[in-house]
Protein backbone atom coordinates (compact mmCIF):
# COMPACT_ATOMS: atom_id res chain seq x y z
CA MET A 1 0.00 0.00 0.00
CA ALA A 2 1.37 3.38 -0.98
CA SER A 3 1.90 6.09 1.62
CA MET A 4 0.52 9.59 1.19
CA THR A 5 0.80 12.86 3.05
CA LYS A 6 -2.09 14.43 4.93
CA GLU A 7 -2.36 17.03 2.19
CA GLU A 8 -2.60 14.31 -0.49
CA LEU A 9 -5.27 12.52 1.56
CA SER A 10 -7.21 15.78 1.82
CA GLU A 11 -7.12 16.18 -1.97
CA HIS A 12 -8.55 12.67 -2.39
CA LEU A 13 -11.27 13.29 0.20
CA LYS A 14 -12.43 16.37 -1.70
CA LYS A 15 -13.51 14.03 -4.50
CA LEU A 16 -15.88 12.06 -2.22
CA ASP A 17 -19.44 13.34 -1.95
CA PHE A 18 -20.63 11.15 0.93
CA CYS A 19 -19.79 8.26 3.22
CA MET A 20 -21.65 6.03 5.66
CA PHE A 21 -20.91 6.54 9.37
CA SER A 22 -21.68 3.59 11.66
CA THR A 23 -21.74 3.42 15.46
CA ARG A 24 -22.67 0.75 17.97
CA GLY A 25 -24.79 1.85 20.94
CA ALA A 26 -25.05 0.58 24.50
CA SER A 27 -27.56 -2.08 23.43
CA ASN A 28 -24.95 -3.33 20.92
CA ARG A 29 -27.24 -2.23 18.07
CA MET A 30 -25.52 -0.87 14.93
CA THR A 31 -26.76 2.49 13.64
CA THR A 32 -25.64 3.88 10.27
CA ARG A 33 -26.23 7.31 8.80
CA PRO A 34 -25.04 9.08 5.65
CA MET A 35 -22.59 11.96 5.96
CA SER A 36 -21.38 14.51 3.43
CA SER A 37 -18.36 16.79 3.31
CA ASN A 38 -20.17 19.10 0.86
CA GLY A 39 -16.81 19.43 -0.88
CA ASP A 40 -15.44 21.41 2.09
CA VAL A 41 -12.41 19.33 3.09
CA GLU A 42 -9.38 20.91 4.72
CA TYR A 43 -7.32 18.42 6.69
CA ASP A 44 -6.31 19.73 10.12
CA GLY A 45 -5.66 16.41 11.86
CA ASP A 46 -9.26 15.79 13.01
CA SER A 47 -11.54 13.15 11.61
């Protein structure tokens, strides 16, 4: 797998319109929701 810088990763993320975000609650039930960056991606170390 090739390595990339944070800036390169940010450039790739700008091309994505949405992703699916999944969490598992206290009852162990999986919940998934769509998320969008709206094309506003500037990598600052937070996800």
